[in-house]
Amino acid sequence: MTIHYPLLLDGGLSNELERLGCNLNQGLWSAKLLESNPEAIILAHLSYLEAGARCIITSSYQATLPGFMALGYDKPSASELILKSVQLAAEARRRFLSSYPHASRPLIAASIGPYGAFLADGSEYKGNYGISDQELRDFHEPRIDLLAQSTADVFACETIPSFQEAAVLSKILEKVNKPAWVSFSCKDGKHIRDGTPIEKCASLFANHSSVFAVGVNCTSPQFISELIQSIKLKSGDKKIVVYPNSGAVYHAESKTWTGLSDLSSCEAMVEEWMDLGADIIGGCCGIGPQQIKAMGKIISKMDS
């Protein structure tokens, strides 16, 4: 598989689904729509493709076997829904290419959210799970093995807040047949959410056989430039992926965001991030198609 850089990612799936009228205020978040409203997921993906994204991330962030089974689904049904996340992204890509037959074929990244996303209590913004390596492996491995069988082009192991979790994922990803990126959720310009220095996290994957990119997501735009520089010091020749959130604050108890969304800073800072070495750029929570389109224009200008 050939990836052309710089690569423009999509933005936040949840905020686009909410704009389409979907209610995500429940434990499975956007994954609930895999059964109840799959067309909305397709339309959300399509909006980002039409905005210029050349890689869309599936709705499997919070789609896990234990998450579905806790709500009464059996294992085959839960597995089918997780795989459906890739099928819906593929359908969005098909519709896009049928409308724009001369466009380059967009990539599909299968989202692997952190253990904290399954807990649905904001733990992905803390990373203090208090569980063993084996428990983390038992959680992650079945979903990764399942999505390894899908037509997704790459894995997106994203919003990782814990060095322990990153180390467990590193071992699992050594066995998979798809390239992967690993992106961390960071609390400042030097540390991931559990307090581990980002340089230590980057060095974990510097020589990894399957991980082709390391970076950060769901992190305030103000910290991205410093994080890129730290990651580059320890990540070897890996690509750098960044897709920050809007800078707002997430409240896990109500599943809402508050605060000023500094969207203009994302657009203005893309040039700086590329100058510092970012290869893959997009947005996370609160970043929508309008901002992705603006980022794409900056990327195209710099790449021309």
C-alpha atoms as a PDB file:
ATOM      1  CA  MET A   1       0.000   0.000   0.000  1.00  0.00           C
ATOM      2  CA  THR A   2       1.308   3.425  -0.984  1.00  0.00           C
ATOM      3  CA  ILE A   3       0.422   6.452   1.124  1.00  0.00           C
ATOM      4  CA  HIS A   4       0.969   9.905  -0.324  1.00  0.00           C
ATOM      5  CA  TYR A   5       2.136  12.540   2.150  1.00  0.00           C
ATOM      6  CA  PRO A   6       1.141  14.949   3.463  1.00  0.00           C
ATOM      7  CA  LEU A   7      -2.048  13.045   4.228  1.00  0.00           C
ATOM      8  CA  LEU A   8      -5.203  14.892   5.274  1.00  0.00           C
ATOM      9  CA  LEU A   9      -7.376  13.044   7.799  1.00  0.00           C
ATOM     10  CA  ASP A  10     -10.998  13.669   8.645  1.00  0.00           C
ATOM     11  CA  GLY A  11     -12.300  15.482  11.718  1.00  0.00           C
ATOM     12  CA  GLY A  12     -14.456  14.509  14.667  1.00  0.00           C
ATOM     13  CA  LEU A  13     -17.045  11.890  13.752  1.00  0.00           C
ATOM     14  CA  SER A  14     -19.214  12.519  16.808  1.00  0.00           C
ATOM     15  CA  ASN A  15     -19.678  16.246  16.257  1.00  0.00           C
ATOM     16  CA  GLU A  16     -20.643  15.660  12.625  1.00  0.00           C
ATOM     17  CA  LEU A  17     -23.146  12.987  13.674  1.00  0.00           C
ATOM     18  CA  GLU A  18     -24.632  15.384  16.210  1.00  0.00           C
ATOM     19  CA  ARG A  19     -24.910  18.029  13.490  1.00  0.00           C
ATOM     20  CA  LEU A  20     -26.923  15.471  11.523  1.00  0.00           C
ATOM     21  CA  GLY A  21     -29.312  15.199  14.475  1.00  0.00           C
ATOM     22  CA  CYS A  22     -28.014  12.043  16.187  1.00  0.00           C
ATOM     23  CA  ASN A  23     -28.181  11.690  19.964  1.00  0.00           C
ATOM     24  CA  LEU A  24     -24.908  10.207  21.221  1.00  0.00           C
ATOM     25  CA  ASN A  25     -25.530  10.599  24.939  1.00  0.00           C
ATOM     26  CA  GLN A  26     -25.196   6.916  25.833  1.00  0.00           C
ATOM     27  CA  GLY A  27     -22.457   4.426  26.667  1.00  0.00           C
ATOM     28  CA  LEU A  28     -21.646   3.258  23.148  1.00  0.00           C
ATOM     29  CA  TRP A  29     -21.458   6.824  21.786  1.00  0.00           C
ATOM     30  CA  SER A  30     -21.268   6.812  17.971  1.00  0.00           C
ATOM     31  CA  ALA A  31     -20.937   2.993  17.906  1.00  0.00           C
ATOM     32  CA  LYS A  32     -24.627   2.681  18.823  1.00  0.00           C
ATOM     33  CA  LEU A  33     -25.485   4.048  15.381  1.00  0.00           C
ATOM     34  CA  LEU A  34     -23.850   1.059  13.698  1.00  0.00           C
ATOM     35  CA  GLU A  35     -27.167  -0.688  14.245  1.00  0.00           C
ATOM     36  CA  SER A  36     -29.677   2.105  14.768  1.00  0.00           C
ATOM     37  CA  ASN A  37     -28.646   4.596  12.069  1.00  0.00           C
ATOM     38  CA  PRO A  38     -25.862   3.356   9.771  1.00  0.00           C
ATOM     39  CA  GLU A  39     -26.823   5.833   7.054  1.00  0.00           C
ATOM     40  CA  ALA A  40     -25.863   8.709   9.364  1.00  0.00           C
ATOM     41  CA  ILE A  41     -22.369   7.255   9.735  1.00  0.00           C
ATOM     42  CA  ILE A  42     -22.030   6.985   5.955  1.00  0.00           C
ATOM     43  CA  LEU A  43     -23.158  10.593   5.513  1.00  0.00           C
ATOM     44  CA  ALA A  44     -20.741  11.817   8.194  1.00  0.00           C
ATOM     45  CA  HIS A  45     -17.835  10.052   6.490  1.00  0.00           C
ATOM     46  CA  LEU A  46     -18.957  11.414   3.138  1.00  0.00           C
ATOM     47  CA  SER A  47     -19.003  14.991   4.417  1.00  0.00           C
ATOM     48  CA  TYR A  48     -15.318  14.702   5.295  1.00  0.00           C
ATOM     49  CA  LEU A  49     -14.396  13.108   1.992  1.00  0.00           C
ATOM     50  CA  GLU A  50     -16.151  15.937   0.173  1.00  0.00           C
ATOM     51  CA  ALA A  51     -14.231  18.397   2.381  1.00  0.00           C
ATOM     52  CA  GLY A  52     -10.962  16.931   1.105  1.00  0.00           C
ATOM     53  CA  ALA A  53     -10.039  14.248   3.633  1.00  0.00           C
ATOM     54  CA  ARG A  54      -8.029  11.434   2.088  1.00  0.00           C
ATOM     55  CA  CYS A  55      -8.320   9.120   5.059  1.00  0.00           C
ATOM     56  CA  ILE A  56     -11.459   8.482   7.101  1.00  0.00           C
ATOM     57  CA  ILE A  57     -11.446   6.839  10.525  1.00  0.00           C
ATOM     58  CA  THR A  58     -14.126   4.240  11.259  1.00  0.00           C
ATOM     59  CA  SER A  59     -16.826   4.445  13.913  1.00  0.00           C
ATOM     60  CA  SER A  60     -15.252   1.584  15.912  1.00  0.00           C
ATOM     61  CA  TYR A  61     -13.583   3.822  18.531  1.00  0.00           C
ATOM     62  CA  GLN A  62     -16.102   2.778  21.170  1.00  0.00           C
ATOM     63  CA  ALA A  63     -17.263  -0.402  19.418  1.00  0.00           C
ATOM     64  CA  THR A  64     -15.926  -3.277  21.515  1.00  0.00           C
ATOM     65  CA  LEU A  65     -16.988  -6.847  22.157  1.00  0.00           C
ATOM     66  CA  PRO A  66     -17.442  -6.334  25.920  1.00  0.00           C
ATOM     67  CA  GLY A  67     -19.255  -3.039  25.292  1.00  0.00           C
ATOM     68  CA  PHE A  68     -21.828  -4.602  22.995  1.00  0.00           C
ATOM     69  CA  MET A  69     -22.132  -7.809  25.026  1.00  0.00           C
ATOM     70  CA  ALA A  70     -22.803  -5.815  28.199  1.00  0.00           C
ATOM     71  CA  LEU A  71     -25.899  -4.496  26.433  1.00  0.00           C
ATOM     72  CA  GLY A  72     -27.157  -7.963  25.546  1.00  0.00           C
ATOM     73  CA  TYR A  73     -25.591  -8.637  22.152  1.00  0.00           C
ATOM     74  CA  ASP A  74     -24.066 -12.067  21.650  1.00  0.00           C
ATOM     75  CA  LYS A  75     -20.474 -12.335  20.433  1.00  0.00           C
ATOM     76  CA  PRO A  76     -21.294 -12.998  16.741  1.00  0.00           C
ATOM     77  CA  SER A  77     -23.646  -9.994  16.630  1.00  0.00           C
ATOM     78  CA  ALA A  78     -21.098  -7.775  18.360  1.00  0.00           C
ATOM     79  CA  SER A  79     -18.375  -8.922  15.952  1.00  0.00           C
ATOM     80  CA  GLU A  80     -20.631  -8.210  12.983  1.00  0.00           C
ATOM     81  CA  LEU A  81     -21.295  -4.664  14.185  1.00  0.00           C
ATOM     82  CA  ILE A  82     -17.593  -3.942  14.679  1.00  0.00           C
ATOM     83  CA  LEU A  83     -16.834  -5.121  11.140  1.00  0.00           C
ATOM     84  CA  LYS A  84     -19.788  -3.078   9.918  1.00  0.00           C
ATOM     85  CA  SER A  85     -17.891   0.080  10.876  1.00  0.00           C
ATOM     86  CA  VAL A  86     -15.411  -0.651   8.074  1.00  0.00           C
ATOM     87  CA  GLN A  87     -18.180  -1.570   5.640  1.00  0.00           C
ATOM     88  CA  LEU A  88     -19.911   1.779   6.224  1.00  0.00           C
ATOM     89  CA  ALA A  89     -16.685   3.685   5.645  1.00  0.00           C
ATOM     90  CA  ALA A  90     -16.173   1.678   2.446  1.00  0.00           C
ATOM     91  CA  GLU A  91     -19.677   2.559   1.296  1.00  0.00           C
ATOM     92  CA  ALA A  92     -18.973   6.248   1.903  1.00  0.00           C
ATOM     93  CA  ARG A  93     -15.794   5.898  -0.146  1.00  0.00           C
ATOM     94  CA  ARG A  94     -17.711   4.136  -2.924  1.00  0.00           C
ATOM     95  CA  ARG A  95     -20.283   6.932  -3.103  1.00  0.00           C
ATOM     96  CA  PHE A  96     -17.540   9.553  -3.094  1.00  0.00           C
ATOM     97  CA  LEU A  97     -15.599   7.913  -5.913  1.00  0.00           C
ATOM     98  CA  SER A  98     -18.763   7.451  -7.958  1.00  0.00           C
ATOM     99  CA  SER A  99     -19.322  11.218  -7.733  1.00  0.00           C
ATOM    100  CA  TYR A 100     -15.640  12.104  -8.165  1.00  0.00           C
ATOM    101  CA  PRO A 101     -14.233   9.333 -10.378  1.00  0.00           C
ATOM    102  CA  HIS A 102     -10.920  11.123 -10.925  1.00  0.00           C
ATOM    103  CA  ALA A 103     -10.197  11.588  -7.219  1.00  0.00           C
ATOM    104  CA  SER A 104      -7.493   9.543  -5.545  1.00  0.00           C
ATOM    105  CA  ARG A 105      -8.782   6.553  -3.583  1.00  0.00           C
ATOM    106  CA  PRO A 106      -9.181   7.571   0.082  1.00  0.00           C
ATOM    107  CA  LEU A 107      -7.839   5.330   2.831  1.00  0.00           C
ATOM    108  CA  ILE A 108      -9.858   3.764   5.624  1.00  0.00           C
ATOM    109  CA  ALA A 109      -8.346   3.633   9.107  1.00  0.00           C
ATOM    110  CA  ALA A 110      -9.925   1.182  11.560  1.00  0.00           C
ATOM    111  CA  SER A 111     -10.234   2.993  14.873  1.00  0.00           C
ATOM    112  CA  ILE A 112      -8.912   1.236  17.973  1.00  0.00           C
ATOM    113  CA  GLY A 113      -9.940   3.348  20.933  1.00  0.00           C
ATOM    114  CA  PRO A 114      -8.382   2.994  24.385  1.00  0.00           C
ATOM    115  CA  TYR A 115      -9.710   0.887  27.236  1.00  0.00           C
ATOM    116  CA  GLY A 116     -10.959   4.127  28.779  1.00  0.00           C
ATOM    117  CA  ALA A 117     -13.403   4.616  25.897  1.00  0.00           C
ATOM    118  CA  PHE A 118     -15.084   1.324  26.803  1.00  0.00           C
ATOM    119  CA  LEU A 119     -15.463   2.537  30.400  1.00  0.00           C
ATOM    120  CA  ALA A 120     -17.240   5.668  29.052  1.00  0.00           C
ATOM    121  CA  ASP A 121     -16.299   7.645  32.157  1.00  0.00           C
ATOM    122  CA  GLY A 122     -13.580   9.910  30.790  1.00  0.00           C
ATOM    123  CA  SER A 123     -10.755   7.513  31.662  1.00  0.00           C
ATOM    124  CA  GLU A 124      -9.185   8.072  28.246  1.00  0.00           C
ATOM    125  CA  TYR A 125      -8.337  11.548  29.556  1.00  0.00           C
ATOM    126  CA  LYS A 126      -6.607  10.118  32.640  1.00  0.00           C
ATOM    127  CA  GLY A 127      -5.119   6.722  31.831  1.00  0.00           C
ATOM    128  CA  ASN A 128      -5.221   5.479  35.417  1.00  0.00           C
ATOM    129  CA  TYR A 129      -7.005   2.213  34.744  1.00  0.00           C
ATOM    130  CA  GLY A 130      -5.617   0.139  37.597  1.00  0.00           C
ATOM    131  CA  ILE A 131      -5.732  -3.146  35.653  1.00  0.00           C
ATOM    132  CA  SER A 132      -3.113  -5.671  34.572  1.00  0.00           C
ATOM    133  CA  ASP A 133      -1.307  -5.999  31.262  1.00  0.00           C
ATOM    134  CA  GLN A 134      -3.158  -9.253  30.634  1.00  0.00           C
ATOM    135  CA  GLU A 135      -6.540  -7.600  31.180  1.00  0.00           C
ATOM    136  CA  LEU A 136      -5.609  -4.907  28.669  1.00  0.00           C
ATOM    137  CA  ARG A 137      -4.453  -7.532  26.186  1.00  0.00           C
ATOM    138  CA  ASP A 138      -7.673  -9.506  26.642  1.00  0.00           C
ATOM    139  CA  PHE A 139      -9.600  -6.320  25.918  1.00  0.00           C
ATOM    140  CA  HIS A 140      -7.699  -5.160  22.832  1.00  0.00           C
ATOM    141  CA  GLU A 141      -6.608  -8.324  21.076  1.00  0.00           C
ATOM    142  CA  PRO A 142     -10.012  -9.721  19.986  1.00  0.00           C
ATOM    143  CA  ARG A 143     -11.071  -6.452  18.325  1.00  0.00           C
ATOM    144  CA  ILE A 144      -7.716  -5.991  16.616  1.00  0.00           C
ATOM    145  CA  ASP A 145      -7.760  -9.595  15.375  1.00  0.00           C
ATOM    146  CA  LEU A 146     -11.296  -9.060  14.095  1.00  0.00           C
ATOM    147  CA  LEU A 147     -10.533  -5.810  12.266  1.00  0.00           C
ATOM    148  CA  ALA A 148      -7.351  -7.326  10.855  1.00  0.00           C
ATOM    149  CA  GLN A 149      -9.690  -9.441   8.716  1.00  0.00           C
ATOM    150  CA  SER A 150     -11.479  -6.371   7.353  1.00  0.00           C
ATOM    151  CA  THR A 151     -10.765  -4.324   4.248  1.00  0.00           C
ATOM    152  CA  ALA A 152      -9.494  -1.359   6.282  1.00  0.00           C
ATOM    153  CA  ASP A 153      -6.170  -0.069   4.989  1.00  0.00           C
ATOM    154  CA  VAL A 154      -4.574   0.766   8.339  1.00  0.00           C
ATOM    155  CA  PHE A 155      -5.209   0.705  12.070  1.00  0.00           C
ATOM    156  CA  ALA A 156      -5.635   3.944  14.009  1.00  0.00           C
ATOM    157  CA  CYS A 157      -4.810   3.186  17.643  1.00  0.00           C
ATOM    158  CA  GLU A 158      -5.894   6.529  18.988  1.00  0.00           C
ATOM    159  CA  THR A 159      -6.369   8.660  22.094  1.00  0.00           C
ATOM    160  CA  ILE A 160      -4.017   6.384  24.072  1.00  0.00           C
ATOM    161  CA  PRO A 161      -3.557   7.953  27.528  1.00  0.00           C
ATOM    162  CA  SER A 162      -1.416   5.276  29.186  1.00  0.00           C
ATOM    163  CA  PHE A 163       2.133   4.041  28.619  1.00  0.00           C
ATOM    164  CA  GLN A 164       1.097   0.650  29.992  1.00  0.00           C
ATOM    165  CA  GLU A 165      -1.626   0.436  27.346  1.00  0.00           C
ATOM    166  CA  ALA A 166       0.784   1.552  24.615  1.00  0.00           C
ATOM    167  CA  ALA A 167       3.227  -1.191  25.583  1.00  0.00           C
ATOM    168  CA  VAL A 168       0.469  -3.817  25.434  1.00  0.00           C
ATOM    169  CA  LEU A 169      -0.671  -2.528  22.022  1.00  0.00           C
ATOM    170  CA  SER A 170       2.927  -2.622  20.798  1.00  0.00           C
ATOM    171  CA  LYS A 171       3.106  -6.354  21.417  1.00  0.00           C
ATOM    172  CA  ILE A 172      -0.291  -7.064  19.823  1.00  0.00           C
ATOM    173  CA  LEU A 173       0.496  -4.988  16.726  1.00  0.00           C
ATOM    174  CA  GLU A 174       3.681  -6.957  16.081  1.00  0.00           C
ATOM    175  CA  LYS A 175       1.480  -9.835  14.915  1.00  0.00           C
ATOM    176  CA  VAL A 176      -1.011  -8.017  12.677  1.00  0.00           C
ATOM    177  CA  ASN A 177      -0.961  -7.814   8.889  1.00  0.00           C
ATOM    178  CA  LYS A 178      -1.950  -4.152   8.598  1.00  0.00           C
ATOM    179  CA  PRO A 179       0.168  -1.044   9.147  1.00  0.00           C
ATOM    180  CA  ALA A 180      -0.846   1.045  12.149  1.00  0.00           C
ATOM    181  CA  TRP A 181      -0.412   4.444  13.649  1.00  0.00           C
ATOM    182  CA  VAL A 182      -0.459   5.066  17.390  1.00  0.00           C
ATOM    183  CA  SER A 183      -1.542   8.471  18.653  1.00  0.00           C
ATOM    184  CA  PHE A 184      -1.556   9.603  22.257  1.00  0.00           C
ATOM    185  CA  SER A 185      -3.838  11.864  24.227  1.00  0.00           C
ATOM    186  CA  CYS A 186      -1.643  14.470  25.930  1.00  0.00           C
ATOM    187  CA  LYS A 187      -2.206  16.804  28.863  1.00  0.00           C
ATOM    188  CA  ASP A 188       0.499  19.320  27.927  1.00  0.00           C
ATOM    189  CA  GLY A 189       3.374  19.734  25.498  1.00  0.00           C
ATOM    190  CA  LYS A 190       5.544  17.069  27.089  1.00  0.00           C
ATOM    191  CA  HIS A 191       3.397  14.348  28.694  1.00  0.00           C
ATOM    192  CA  ILE A 192       0.575  11.968  27.852  1.00  0.00           C
ATOM    193  CA  ARG A 193      -2.401  11.834  30.195  1.00  0.00           C
ATOM    194  CA  ASP A 194      -0.863   9.415  32.721  1.00  0.00           C
ATOM    195  CA  GLY A 195       2.207  11.650  33.085  1.00  0.00           C
ATOM    196  CA  THR A 196       4.615   9.633  30.940  1.00  0.00           C
ATOM    197  CA  PRO A 197       6.921  11.812  28.796  1.00  0.00           C
ATOM    198  CA  ILE A 198       5.873  11.717  25.140  1.00  0.00           C
ATOM    199  CA  GLU A 199       9.494  11.029  24.167  1.00  0.00           C
ATOM    200  CA  LYS A 200       9.382   7.729  26.071  1.00  0.00           C
ATOM    201  CA  CYS A 201       6.148   6.825  24.288  1.00  0.00           C
ATOM    202  CA  ALA A 202       7.600   7.669  20.873  1.00  0.00           C
ATOM    203  CA  SER A 203      10.740   5.610  21.502  1.00  0.00           C
ATOM    204  CA  LEU A 204       8.566   2.560  22.230  1.00  0.00           C
ATOM    205  CA  PHE A 205       7.587   2.449  18.540  1.00  0.00           C
ATOM    206  CA  ALA A 206      10.784   3.783  16.908  1.00  0.00           C
ATOM    207  CA  ASN A 207      11.746   0.343  15.589  1.00  0.00           C
ATOM    208  CA  HIS A 208       8.319  -1.265  15.463  1.00  0.00           C
ATOM    209  CA  SER A 209       7.700  -3.467  12.435  1.00  0.00           C
ATOM    210  CA  SER A 210       3.996  -2.622  11.957  1.00  0.00           C
ATOM    211  CA  VAL A 211       3.655   0.922  13.313  1.00  0.00           C
ATOM    212  CA  PHE A 212       4.419   3.425  10.549  1.00  0.00           C
ATOM    213  CA  ALA A 213       3.422   6.628  12.365  1.00  0.00           C
ATOM    214  CA  VAL A 214       3.371   7.998  15.901  1.00  0.00           C
ATOM    215  CA  GLY A 215       1.683  11.122  17.155  1.00  0.00           C
ATOM    216  CA  VAL A 216      -1.067  12.762  19.153  1.00  0.00           C
ATOM    217  CA  ASN A 217      -4.802  13.307  18.902  1.00  0.00           C
ATOM    218  CA  CYS A 218      -7.632  14.640  21.062  1.00  0.00           C
ATOM    219  CA  THR A 219      -5.138  17.132  22.475  1.00  0.00           C
ATOM    220  CA  SER A 220      -5.378  20.915  22.615  1.00  0.00           C
ATOM    221  CA  PRO A 221      -3.955  22.654  19.517  1.00  0.00           C
ATOM    222  CA  GLN A 222      -1.724  24.817  21.692  1.00  0.00           C
ATOM    223  CA  PHE A 223       0.458  21.824  22.613  1.00  0.00           C
ATOM    224  CA  ILE A 224       0.873  20.251  19.166  1.00  0.00           C
ATOM    225  CA  SER A 225       4.007  22.067  17.965  1.00  0.00           C
ATOM    226  CA  GLU A 226       5.987  21.194  21.083  1.00  0.00           C
ATOM    227  CA  LEU A 227       4.771  17.587  20.965  1.00  0.00           C
ATOM    228  CA  ILE A 228       5.813  17.176  17.327  1.00  0.00           C
ATOM    229  CA  GLN A 229       9.346  18.288  18.181  1.00  0.00           C
ATOM    230  CA  SER A 230       9.565  15.873  21.126  1.00  0.00           C
ATOM    231  CA  ILE A 231       8.201  12.939  19.116  1.00  0.00           C
ATOM    232  CA  LYS A 232      10.651  13.545  16.260  1.00  0.00           C
ATOM    233  CA  LEU A 233      13.555  13.246  18.672  1.00  0.00           C
ATOM    234  CA  LYS A 234      12.704   9.650  19.605  1.00  0.00           C
ATOM    235  CA  SER A 235      10.528   8.144  16.867  1.00  0.00           C
ATOM    236  CA  GLY A 236      13.250   7.246  14.365  1.00  0.00           C
ATOM    237  CA  ASP A 237      12.001   7.456  10.801  1.00  0.00           C
ATOM    238  CA  LYS A 238       8.318   7.051  11.672  1.00  0.00           C
ATOM    239  CA  LYS A 239       5.796   9.434  10.165  1.00  0.00           C
ATOM    240  CA  ILE A 240       4.256  12.010  12.509  1.00  0.00           C
ATOM    241  CA  VAL A 241       0.463  12.093  12.863  1.00  0.00           C
ATOM    242  CA  VAL A 242      -1.419  14.931  14.592  1.00  0.00           C
ATOM    243  CA  TYR A 243      -5.135  15.520  14.822  1.00  0.00           C
ATOM    244  CA  PRO A 244      -5.964  17.801  17.739  1.00  0.00           C
ATOM    245  CA  ASN A 245      -9.345  18.598  19.190  1.00  0.00           C
ATOM    246  CA  SER A 246     -10.844  22.067  19.130  1.00  0.00           C
ATOM    247  CA  GLY A 247      -9.393  23.032  22.498  1.00  0.00           C
ATOM    248  CA  ALA A 248     -12.699  22.664  24.349  1.00  0.00           C
ATOM    249  CA  VAL A 249     -13.056  20.715  27.624  1.00  0.00           C
ATOM    250  CA  TYR A 250     -14.902  17.373  27.757  1.00  0.00           C
ATOM    251  CA  HIS A 251     -17.185  16.507  30.706  1.00  0.00           C
ATOM    252  CA  ALA A 252     -17.542  12.723  30.944  1.00  0.00           C
ATOM    253  CA  GLU A 253     -20.539  12.757  33.300  1.00  0.00           C
ATOM    254  CA  SER A 254     -22.729  14.641  30.821  1.00  0.00           C
ATOM    255  CA  LYS A 255     -20.799  13.659  27.650  1.00  0.00           C
ATOM    256  CA  THR A 256     -20.662  17.310  26.585  1.00  0.00           C
ATOM    257  CA  TRP A 257     -17.984  19.820  25.593  1.00  0.00           C
ATOM    258  CA  THR A 258     -17.712  23.346  26.969  1.00  0.00           C
ATOM    259  CA  GLY A 259     -15.378  26.262  26.441  1.00  0.00           C
ATOM    260  CA  LEU A 260     -14.234  28.239  23.454  1.00  0.00           C
ATOM    261  CA  SER A 261     -13.355  26.120  20.437  1.00  0.00           C
ATOM    262  CA  ASP A 262     -10.211  27.639  18.994  1.00  0.00           C
ATOM    263  CA  LEU A 263     -10.849  26.380  15.465  1.00  0.00           C
ATOM    264  CA  SER A 264      -8.980  29.184  13.742  1.00  0.00           C
ATOM    265  CA  SER A 265      -5.761  28.212  15.506  1.00  0.00           C
ATOM    266  CA  CYS A 266      -5.926  24.740  13.938  1.00  0.00           C
ATOM    267  CA  GLU A 267      -6.136  26.237  10.476  1.00  0.00           C
ATOM    268  CA  ALA A 268      -3.400  28.800  11.102  1.00  0.00           C
ATOM    269  CA  MET A 269      -1.035  26.310  12.728  1.00  0.00           C
ATOM    270  CA  VAL A 270      -1.138  23.628  10.025  1.00  0.00           C
ATOM    271  CA  GLU A 271       1.699  25.373   8.209  1.00  0.00           C
ATOM    272  CA  GLU A 272       3.797  25.407  11.370  1.00  0.00           C
ATOM    273  CA  TRP A 273       3.067  21.734  12.089  1.00  0.00           C
ATOM    274  CA  MET A 274       4.133  20.762   8.582  1.00  0.00           C
ATOM    275  CA  ASP A 275       7.319  22.808   8.896  1.00  0.00           C
ATOM    276  CA  LEU A 276       8.075  20.961  12.135  1.00  0.00           C
ATOM    277  CA  GLY A 277       7.653  17.581  10.447  1.00  0.00           C
ATOM    278  CA  ALA A 278       3.998  16.533  10.646  1.00  0.00           C
ATOM    279  CA  ASP A 279       3.128  14.129   7.814  1.00  0.00           C
ATOM    280  CA  ILE A 280      -0.496  13.253   8.638  1.00  0.00           C
ATOM    281  CA  ILE A 281      -2.829  16.030   9.800  1.00  0.00           C
ATOM    282  CA  GLY A 282      -6.508  16.206  10.670  1.00  0.00           C
ATOM    283  CA  GLY A 283      -8.859  16.976  13.508  1.00  0.00           C
ATOM    284  CA  CYS A 284     -10.560  15.294  16.431  1.00  0.00           C
ATOM    285  CA  CYS A 285     -13.459  16.311  18.691  1.00  0.00           C
ATOM    286  CA  GLY A 286     -15.003  19.621  17.687  1.00  0.00           C
ATOM    287  CA  ILE A 287     -13.202  19.856  14.338  1.00  0.00           C
ATOM    288  CA  GLY A 288     -15.674  19.582  11.466  1.00  0.00           C
ATOM    289  CA  PRO A 289     -15.675  19.478   7.655  1.00  0.00           C
ATOM    290  CA  GLN A 290     -15.277  23.248   7.361  1.00  0.00           C
ATOM    291  CA  GLN A 291     -12.006  23.170   9.293  1.00  0.00           C
ATOM    292  CA  ILE A 292     -10.757  20.078   7.436  1.00  0.00           C
ATOM    293  CA  LYS A 293     -11.399  21.842   4.150  1.00  0.00           C
ATOM    294  CA  ALA A 294      -9.410  24.859   5.360  1.00  0.00           C
ATOM    295  CA  MET A 295      -6.555  22.604   6.509  1.00  0.00           C
ATOM    296  CA  GLY A 296      -6.572  20.892   3.126  1.00  0.00           C
ATOM    297  CA  LYS A 297      -6.168  24.192   1.313  1.00  0.00           C
ATOM    298  CA  ILE A 298      -3.112  25.039   3.434  1.00  0.00           C
ATOM    299  CA  ILE A 299      -1.627  21.584   2.887  1.00  0.00           C
ATOM    300  CA  SER A 300      -2.166  21.835  -0.878  1.00  0.00           C
ATOM    301  CA  LYS A 301      -0.574  25.269  -0.985  1.00  0.00           C
ATOM    302  CA  MET A 302       2.509  24.093   0.922  1.00  0.00           C
ATOM    303  CA  ASP A 303       2.768  20.878  -1.084  1.00  0.00           C
ATOM    304  CA  SER A 304       2.575  22.553  -4.479  1.00  0.00           C
END
